[in-house]
């Protein structure tokens, strides 16, 4: 697992208008608020 700030990077990119990124949960589980997640 990769803890720390890396979990928030996909959400930060989404906030600045970038693409919606998903992470591989086996490596680093991405963090997003409940209202910002998309169904898989």
C-alpha atoms as a PDB file:
ATOM      1  CA  UNK A   1       0.000   0.000   0.000  1.00  0.00           C
ATOM      2  CA  UNK A   2       1.073   3.547  -0.722  1.00  0.00           C
ATOM      3  CA  UNK A   3      -0.308   5.781   2.041  1.00  0.00           C
ATOM      4  CA  UNK A   4      -0.398   9.529   2.329  1.00  0.00           C
ATOM      5  CA  UNK A   5      -0.957  12.306  -0.138  1.00  0.00           C
ATOM      6  CA  UNK A   6      -0.953   9.997  -3.163  1.00  0.00           C
ATOM      7  CA  UNK A   7      -4.479   8.847  -2.331  1.00  0.00           C
ATOM      8  CA  UNK A   8      -5.871  12.354  -2.963  1.00  0.00           C
ATOM      9  CA  UNK A   9      -4.077  13.030  -6.265  1.00  0.00           C
ATOM     10  CA  UNK A  10      -6.846  11.638  -8.562  1.00  0.00           C
ATOM     11  CA  UNK A  11      -9.458  13.817  -6.825  1.00  0.00           C
ATOM     12  CA  UNK A  12      -7.200  16.896  -7.005  1.00  0.00           C
ATOM     13  CA  UNK A  13      -6.756  16.402 -10.749  1.00  0.00           C
ATOM     14  CA  UNK A  14     -10.537  16.098 -11.103  1.00  0.00           C
ATOM     15  CA  UNK A  15     -11.007  19.382  -9.208  1.00  0.00           C
ATOM     16  CA  UNK A  16      -8.758  21.341 -11.579  1.00  0.00           C
ATOM     17  CA  UNK A  17     -10.684  20.075 -14.606  1.00  0.00           C
ATOM     18  CA  UNK A  18      -8.599  17.054 -15.524  1.00  0.00           C
ATOM     19  CA  UNK A  19      -9.854  13.580 -16.346  1.00  0.00           C
ATOM     20  CA  UNK A  20     -11.556  11.309 -13.821  1.00  0.00           C
ATOM     21  CA  UNK A  21      -8.814   8.955 -12.691  1.00  0.00           C
ATOM     22  CA  UNK A  22      -9.260   5.634 -10.971  1.00  0.00           C
ATOM     23  CA  UNK A  23      -6.591   3.893  -8.917  1.00  0.00           C
ATOM     24  CA  UNK A  24      -5.673   0.266  -8.491  1.00  0.00           C
ATOM     25  CA  UNK A  25      -6.844  -0.457  -4.936  1.00  0.00           C
ATOM     26  CA  UNK A  26      -4.150  -3.111  -4.530  1.00  0.00           C
ATOM     27  CA  UNK A  27      -1.487  -0.395  -4.873  1.00  0.00           C
ATOM     28  CA  UNK A  28      -3.089   2.822  -3.589  1.00  0.00           C
ATOM     29  CA  UNK A  29      -6.756   3.281  -2.715  1.00  0.00           C
ATOM     30  CA  UNK A  30      -7.836   6.656  -4.044  1.00  0.00           C
ATOM     31  CA  UNK A  31      -9.777   9.036  -1.815  1.00  0.00           C
ATOM     32  CA  UNK A  32     -12.810  11.081  -2.864  1.00  0.00           C
ATOM     33  CA  UNK A  33     -15.738  12.499  -0.939  1.00  0.00           C
ATOM     34  CA  UNK A  34     -18.919  10.429  -1.289  1.00  0.00           C
ATOM     35  CA  UNK A  35     -20.498  12.962  -3.648  1.00  0.00           C
ATOM     36  CA  UNK A  36     -17.567  12.887  -6.077  1.00  0.00           C
ATOM     37  CA  UNK A  37     -17.444   9.156  -6.815  1.00  0.00           C
ATOM     38  CA  UNK A  38     -18.788   7.604  -9.988  1.00  0.00           C
ATOM     39  CA  UNK A  39     -20.244   4.107 -10.158  1.00  0.00           C
ATOM     40  CA  UNK A  40     -17.952   1.506 -11.719  1.00  0.00           C
END
